[in-house]
């Protein structure tokens, strides 16, 4: 999956915005202001960081050795870095969905109500 397809998939989700809060090369996707995905636009091979359940993160890293690694410049427990062009697109969309849902599950009642009202 290339970065543009990845971006289109992320931005199409409910409540998602994109921005460059760190620098002009790191595109960040947020749901209701909470980060769930990052893409380093100039890194080759193309990579994305996604939030992940800690137990599942370890399983994914073992199952996809070298293609899914601990989150680059992120919490190694809660984030994975995935190589976009070397993993099946269906797995990537599943991991994006997992990251998105993890973030939503941690919303406060107020933020969840705002999200539900969209």
N, C-alpha and C. Protein backbone atom coordinates (compact mmCIF):
# COMPACT_ATOMS: atom_id res chain seq x y z
N UNK A 1 0.86 -1.18 0.00
CA UNK A 1 0.00 0.00 0.00
C UNK A 1 0.90 1.23 0.00
N UNK A 2 0.60 2.16 -0.89
CA UNK A 2 1.41 3.38 -0.90
C UNK A 2 0.84 4.41 0.09
N UNK A 3 1.59 5.46 0.31
CA UNK A 3 1.21 6.46 1.32
C UNK A 3 -0.11 7.14 0.97
N UNK A 4 -0.36 7.40 -0.31
CA UNK A 4 -1.60 8.08 -0.69
C UNK A 4 -2.82 7.22 -0.37
N UNK A 5 -2.75 5.93 -0.65
CA UNK A 5 -3.87 5.03 -0.34
C UNK A 5 -4.04 4.95 1.18
N UNK A 6 -2.93 4.87 1.90
CA UNK A 6 -2.97 4.85 3.36
C UNK A 6 -3.65 6.12 3.87
N UNK A 7 -3.24 7.27 3.34
CA UNK A 7 -3.82 8.55 3.75
C UNK A 7 -5.32 8.59 3.47
N UNK A 8 -5.72 8.18 2.28
CA UNK A 8 -7.14 8.19 1.92
C UNK A 8 -7.96 7.31 2.86
N UNK A 9 -7.40 6.17 3.24
CA UNK A 9 -8.11 5.27 4.14
C UNK A 9 -8.29 5.92 5.52
N UNK A 10 -7.21 6.52 6.02
CA UNK A 10 -7.27 7.15 7.35
C UNK A 10 -8.22 8.34 7.37
N UNK A 11 -8.09 9.22 6.40
CA UNK A 11 -8.84 10.48 6.42
C UNK A 11 -10.34 10.25 6.19
N UNK A 12 -10.71 9.11 5.62
CA UNK A 12 -12.12 8.82 5.37
C UNK A 12 -12.86 8.40 6.64
N UNK A 13 -12.14 8.12 7.70
CA UNK A 13 -12.77 7.67 8.93
C UNK A 13 -13.44 8.84 9.66
N UNK A 14 -14.48 8.53 10.38
CA UNK A 14 -15.27 9.52 11.12
C UNK A 14 -14.40 10.28 12.13
N UNK A 15 -14.52 11.61 12.11
CA UNK A 15 -13.85 12.45 13.10
C UNK A 15 -12.36 12.65 12.90
N UNK A 16 -11.81 12.21 11.75
CA UNK A 16 -10.36 12.26 11.54
C UNK A 16 -9.93 13.57 10.88
N UNK A 17 -8.83 14.10 11.40
CA UNK A 17 -8.15 15.24 10.79
C UNK A 17 -6.70 14.85 10.56
N UNK A 18 -6.03 15.61 9.71
CA UNK A 18 -4.61 15.39 9.46
C UNK A 18 -3.87 16.70 9.67
N UNK A 19 -2.65 16.60 10.16
CA UNK A 19 -1.85 17.79 10.42
C UNK A 19 -0.37 17.43 10.49
N UNK A 20 0.43 18.46 10.58
CA UNK A 20 1.88 18.32 10.69
C UNK A 20 2.35 19.00 11.98
N UNK A 21 2.09 18.42 13.15
CA UNK A 21 2.43 19.09 14.41
C UNK A 21 3.91 19.05 14.77
N UNK A 22 4.65 18.10 14.20
CA UNK A 22 6.05 17.94 14.58
C UNK A 22 7.01 18.61 13.59
N UNK A 23 6.80 18.36 12.32
CA UNK A 23 7.61 18.95 11.26
C UNK A 23 6.87 18.77 9.94
N UNK A 24 7.44 19.26 8.86
CA UNK A 24 6.75 19.20 7.57
C UNK A 24 6.86 17.83 6.89
N UNK A 25 7.52 16.88 7.53
CA UNK A 25 7.71 15.56 6.94
C UNK A 25 6.95 14.45 7.65
N UNK A 26 6.29 14.78 8.76
CA UNK A 26 5.58 13.76 9.54
C UNK A 26 4.09 14.09 9.57
N UNK A 27 3.33 13.35 8.78
CA UNK A 27 1.88 13.54 8.70
C UNK A 27 1.21 12.75 9.82
N UNK A 28 0.40 13.45 10.61
CA UNK A 28 -0.26 12.84 11.77
C UNK A 28 -1.77 12.82 11.55
N UNK A 29 -2.36 11.66 11.83
CA UNK A 29 -3.81 11.51 11.75
C UNK A 29 -4.36 11.43 13.16
N UNK A 30 -5.40 12.23 13.42
CA UNK A 30 -6.02 12.27 14.74
C UNK A 30 -7.52 12.06 14.61
N UNK A 31 -8.07 11.38 15.59
CA UNK A 31 -9.52 11.27 15.70
C UNK A 31 -9.92 12.09 16.92
N UNK A 32 -10.72 13.10 16.70
CA UNK A 32 -11.17 14.01 17.77
C UNK A 32 -9.96 14.56 18.55
N UNK A 33 -8.90 14.88 17.81
CA UNK A 33 -7.72 15.48 18.43
C UNK A 33 -6.75 14.51 19.06
N UNK A 34 -7.03 13.20 18.98
CA UNK A 34 -6.16 12.17 19.58
C UNK A 34 -5.46 11.39 18.46
N UNK A 35 -4.15 11.31 18.55
CA UNK A 35 -3.34 10.69 17.52
C UNK A 35 -3.53 9.17 17.45
N UNK A 36 -3.73 8.66 16.22
CA UNK A 36 -3.82 7.22 16.03
C UNK A 36 -2.90 6.70 14.93
N UNK A 37 -2.35 7.59 14.10
CA UNK A 37 -1.44 7.16 13.03
C UNK A 37 -0.50 8.29 12.65
N UNK A 38 0.72 7.93 12.30
CA UNK A 38 1.72 8.88 11.80
C UNK A 38 2.38 8.27 10.58
N UNK A 39 2.73 9.11 9.62
CA UNK A 39 3.47 8.66 8.45
C UNK A 39 4.65 9.58 8.24
N UNK A 40 5.83 8.98 8.15
CA UNK A 40 7.04 9.74 7.83
C UNK A 40 7.11 9.82 6.30
N UNK A 41 6.78 10.98 5.74
CA UNK A 41 6.62 11.11 4.30
C UNK A 41 7.91 10.89 3.52
N UNK A 42 9.05 11.14 4.12
CA UNK A 42 10.30 11.03 3.38
C UNK A 42 11.12 9.79 3.72
N UNK A 43 10.59 8.93 4.58
CA UNK A 43 11.33 7.70 4.93
C UNK A 43 11.10 6.63 3.86
N UNK A 44 12.17 5.98 3.49
CA UNK A 44 12.09 4.86 2.56
C UNK A 44 12.71 3.64 3.21
N UNK A 45 12.08 2.51 3.18
CA UNK A 45 10.75 2.28 2.60
C UNK A 45 9.66 2.99 3.39
N UNK A 46 8.52 3.17 2.75
CA UNK A 46 7.39 3.88 3.36
C UNK A 46 6.95 3.18 4.64
N UNK A 47 6.77 4.00 5.69
CA UNK A 47 6.42 3.46 7.01
C UNK A 47 5.31 4.27 7.65
N UNK A 48 4.60 3.60 8.54
CA UNK A 48 3.58 4.28 9.34
C UNK A 48 3.67 3.76 10.77
N UNK A 49 3.37 4.61 11.72
CA UNK A 49 3.27 4.21 13.12
C UNK A 49 1.80 4.12 13.48
N UNK A 50 1.43 3.01 14.12
CA UNK A 50 0.05 2.79 14.54
C UNK A 50 0.01 2.33 15.98
N UNK A 51 -0.97 2.82 16.71
CA UNK A 51 -1.19 2.39 18.08
C UNK A 51 -1.63 0.92 18.06
N UNK A 52 -1.27 0.17 19.10
CA UNK A 52 -1.60 -1.25 19.12
C UNK A 52 -1.69 -1.74 20.55
N UNK A 53 -2.61 -2.66 20.80
CA UNK A 53 -2.69 -3.33 22.08
C UNK A 53 -1.33 -3.98 22.35
N UNK A 54 -0.77 -3.81 23.56
CA UNK A 54 0.58 -4.32 23.83
C UNK A 54 0.79 -5.81 23.55
N UNK A 55 -0.16 -6.66 23.92
CA UNK A 55 0.00 -8.09 23.66
C UNK A 55 -0.05 -8.39 22.17
N UNK A 56 -0.96 -7.75 21.50
CA UNK A 56 -1.08 -7.96 20.04
C UNK A 56 0.15 -7.41 19.33
N UNK A 57 0.71 -6.30 19.83
CA UNK A 57 1.90 -5.71 19.22
C UNK A 57 3.04 -6.73 19.17
N UNK A 58 3.25 -7.42 20.26
CA UNK A 58 4.32 -8.43 20.32
C UNK A 58 4.03 -9.56 19.34
N UNK A 59 2.80 -10.03 19.30
CA UNK A 59 2.42 -11.11 18.38
C UNK A 59 2.66 -10.70 16.93
N UNK A 60 2.26 -9.48 16.59
CA UNK A 60 2.44 -8.99 15.22
C UNK A 60 3.92 -8.90 14.84
N UNK A 61 4.73 -8.41 15.77
CA UNK A 61 6.17 -8.30 15.50
C UNK A 61 6.79 -9.66 15.27
N UNK A 62 6.36 -10.66 16.02
CA UNK A 62 6.88 -12.02 15.86
C UNK A 62 6.41 -12.64 14.55
N UNK A 63 5.15 -12.41 14.20
CA UNK A 63 4.58 -13.00 12.98
C UNK A 63 5.09 -12.33 11.71
N UNK A 64 5.49 -11.06 11.81
CA UNK A 64 5.92 -10.30 10.63
C UNK A 64 7.30 -9.69 10.90
N UNK A 65 8.24 -10.56 11.21
CA UNK A 65 9.59 -10.16 11.61
C UNK A 65 10.22 -9.19 10.60
N UNK A 66 10.58 -8.02 11.09
CA UNK A 66 11.22 -7.01 10.26
C UNK A 66 10.27 -6.13 9.48
N UNK A 67 9.02 -6.53 9.35
CA UNK A 67 8.01 -5.74 8.63
C UNK A 67 7.12 -4.96 9.59
N UNK A 68 7.00 -5.47 10.80
CA UNK A 68 6.32 -4.77 11.89
C UNK A 68 7.31 -4.75 13.05
N UNK A 69 7.69 -3.55 13.45
CA UNK A 69 8.72 -3.39 14.47
C UNK A 69 8.21 -2.45 15.56
N UNK A 70 8.89 -2.40 16.71
CA UNK A 70 8.49 -1.45 17.75
C UNK A 70 8.44 -0.02 17.19
N UNK A 71 7.49 0.76 17.65
CA UNK A 71 7.27 2.11 17.14
C UNK A 71 8.50 2.99 17.14
N UNK A 72 8.86 3.48 15.97
CA UNK A 72 10.01 4.37 15.80
C UNK A 72 9.71 5.71 16.46
N UNK A 73 10.54 6.11 17.41
CA UNK A 73 10.38 7.35 18.16
C UNK A 73 9.06 7.42 18.93
N UNK A 74 8.52 6.26 19.31
CA UNK A 74 7.25 6.20 20.03
C UNK A 74 7.41 5.21 21.19
N UNK A 75 6.38 5.11 22.02
CA UNK A 75 6.36 4.09 23.06
C UNK A 75 6.43 2.72 22.39
N UNK A 76 7.44 1.96 22.71
CA UNK A 76 7.62 0.63 22.11
C UNK A 76 6.56 -0.36 22.57
N UNK A 77 5.87 -0.04 23.66
CA UNK A 77 4.83 -0.91 24.19
C UNK A 77 3.52 -0.72 23.43
N UNK A 78 3.19 0.52 23.12
CA UNK A 78 1.86 0.85 22.58
C UNK A 78 1.83 1.20 21.09
N UNK A 79 2.98 1.25 20.44
CA UNK A 79 3.03 1.64 19.03
C UNK A 79 3.89 0.67 18.24
N UNK A 80 3.46 0.40 17.01
CA UNK A 80 4.23 -0.37 16.04
C UNK A 80 4.54 0.50 14.84
N UNK A 81 5.68 0.25 14.22
CA UNK A 81 5.99 0.81 12.92
C UNK A 81 5.79 -0.30 11.91
N UNK A 82 5.04 0.00 10.86
CA UNK A 82 4.78 -1.01 9.82
C UNK A 82 5.35 -0.52 8.50
N UNK A 83 5.86 -1.45 7.71
CA UNK A 83 6.37 -1.13 6.38
C UNK A 83 5.22 -1.26 5.40
N UNK A 84 4.76 -0.13 4.90
CA UNK A 84 3.52 -0.07 4.13
C UNK A 84 3.53 -0.88 2.85
N UNK A 85 4.62 -0.85 2.13
CA UNK A 85 4.63 -1.48 0.81
C UNK A 85 4.98 -2.96 0.85
N UNK A 86 5.25 -3.48 2.05
CA UNK A 86 5.67 -4.88 2.14
C UNK A 86 4.68 -5.77 2.90
N UNK A 87 3.60 -5.19 3.36
CA UNK A 87 2.57 -5.95 4.07
C UNK A 87 1.29 -5.97 3.23
N UNK A 88 0.47 -7.00 3.38
CA UNK A 88 -0.79 -7.05 2.63
C UNK A 88 -1.70 -5.86 2.99
N UNK A 89 -2.31 -5.23 1.99
CA UNK A 89 -3.21 -4.10 2.27
C UNK A 89 -4.32 -4.43 3.27
N UNK A 90 -4.82 -5.65 3.23
CA UNK A 90 -5.89 -6.02 4.17
C UNK A 90 -5.38 -6.00 5.61
N UNK A 91 -4.14 -6.41 5.83
CA UNK A 91 -3.56 -6.35 7.17
C UNK A 91 -3.37 -4.90 7.60
N UNK A 92 -2.92 -4.06 6.69
CA UNK A 92 -2.70 -2.65 7.02
C UNK A 92 -4.02 -1.98 7.41
N UNK A 93 -5.07 -2.21 6.64
CA UNK A 93 -6.35 -1.59 6.99
C UNK A 93 -6.87 -2.13 8.32
N UNK A 94 -6.65 -3.42 8.58
CA UNK A 94 -7.04 -3.99 9.86
C UNK A 94 -6.28 -3.32 11.01
N UNK A 95 -4.99 -3.06 10.82
CA UNK A 95 -4.18 -2.42 11.87
C UNK A 95 -4.55 -0.95 12.06
N UNK A 96 -4.91 -0.27 10.98
CA UNK A 96 -5.40 1.11 11.08
C UNK A 96 -6.69 1.12 11.87
N UNK A 97 -7.61 0.22 11.54
CA UNK A 97 -8.88 0.13 12.26
C UNK A 97 -8.65 -0.15 13.74
N UNK A 98 -7.73 -1.05 14.05
CA UNK A 98 -7.41 -1.39 15.44
C UNK A 98 -6.89 -0.16 16.19
N UNK A 99 -5.99 0.58 15.57
CA UNK A 99 -5.43 1.78 16.19
C UNK A 99 -6.53 2.82 16.44
N UNK A 100 -7.34 3.05 15.44
CA UNK A 100 -8.46 4.00 15.52
C UNK A 100 -9.41 3.61 16.65
N UNK A 101 -9.79 2.34 16.70
CA UNK A 101 -10.72 1.88 17.73
C UNK A 101 -10.10 1.95 19.13
N UNK A 102 -8.81 1.68 19.25
CA UNK A 102 -8.14 1.81 20.55
C UNK A 102 -8.24 3.23 21.08
N UNK A 103 -8.01 4.18 20.20
CA UNK A 103 -8.07 5.59 20.62
C UNK A 103 -9.49 5.96 21.01
N UNK A 104 -10.47 5.57 20.23
CA UNK A 104 -11.87 5.87 20.53
C UNK A 104 -12.28 5.26 21.87
N UNK A 105 -11.78 4.06 22.14
CA UNK A 105 -12.17 3.37 23.38
C UNK A 105 -11.68 4.10 24.63
N UNK A 106 -10.73 4.98 24.49
CA UNK A 106 -10.18 5.73 25.63
C UNK A 106 -10.77 7.14 25.76
N UNK A 107 -11.73 7.48 24.90
CA UNK A 107 -12.36 8.80 24.98
C UNK A 107 -13.06 9.00 26.32
N UNK A 108 -13.05 10.24 26.77
CA UNK A 108 -13.87 10.61 27.92
C UNK A 108 -15.34 10.55 27.49
N UNK A 109 -16.25 10.57 28.45
CA UNK A 109 -17.68 10.57 28.13
C UNK A 109 -18.03 11.76 27.25
N UNK A 110 -17.48 12.92 27.58
CA UNK A 110 -17.77 14.14 26.82
C UNK A 110 -17.28 14.00 25.38
N UNK A 111 -16.04 13.54 25.20
CA UNK A 111 -15.49 13.40 23.86
C UNK A 111 -16.24 12.33 23.07
N UNK A 112 -16.63 11.25 23.73
CA UNK A 112 -17.39 10.18 23.07
C UNK A 112 -18.74 10.72 22.61
N UNK A 113 -19.38 11.56 23.42
CA UNK A 113 -20.65 12.15 23.03
C UNK A 113 -20.48 13.07 21.81
N UNK A 114 -19.40 13.85 21.80
CA UNK A 114 -19.11 14.71 20.64
C UNK A 114 -18.87 13.87 19.38
N UNK A 115 -18.12 12.78 19.55
CA UNK A 115 -17.82 11.88 18.44
C UNK A 115 -19.12 11.25 17.91
N UNK A 116 -19.95 10.77 18.82
CA UNK A 116 -21.21 10.13 18.41
C UNK A 116 -22.13 11.10 17.70
N UNK A 117 -22.01 12.39 18.01
CA UNK A 117 -22.88 13.39 17.40
C UNK A 117 -22.45 13.79 15.99
N UNK A 118 -21.29 13.35 15.56
CA UNK A 118 -20.80 13.71 14.21
C UNK A 118 -21.64 13.06 13.13
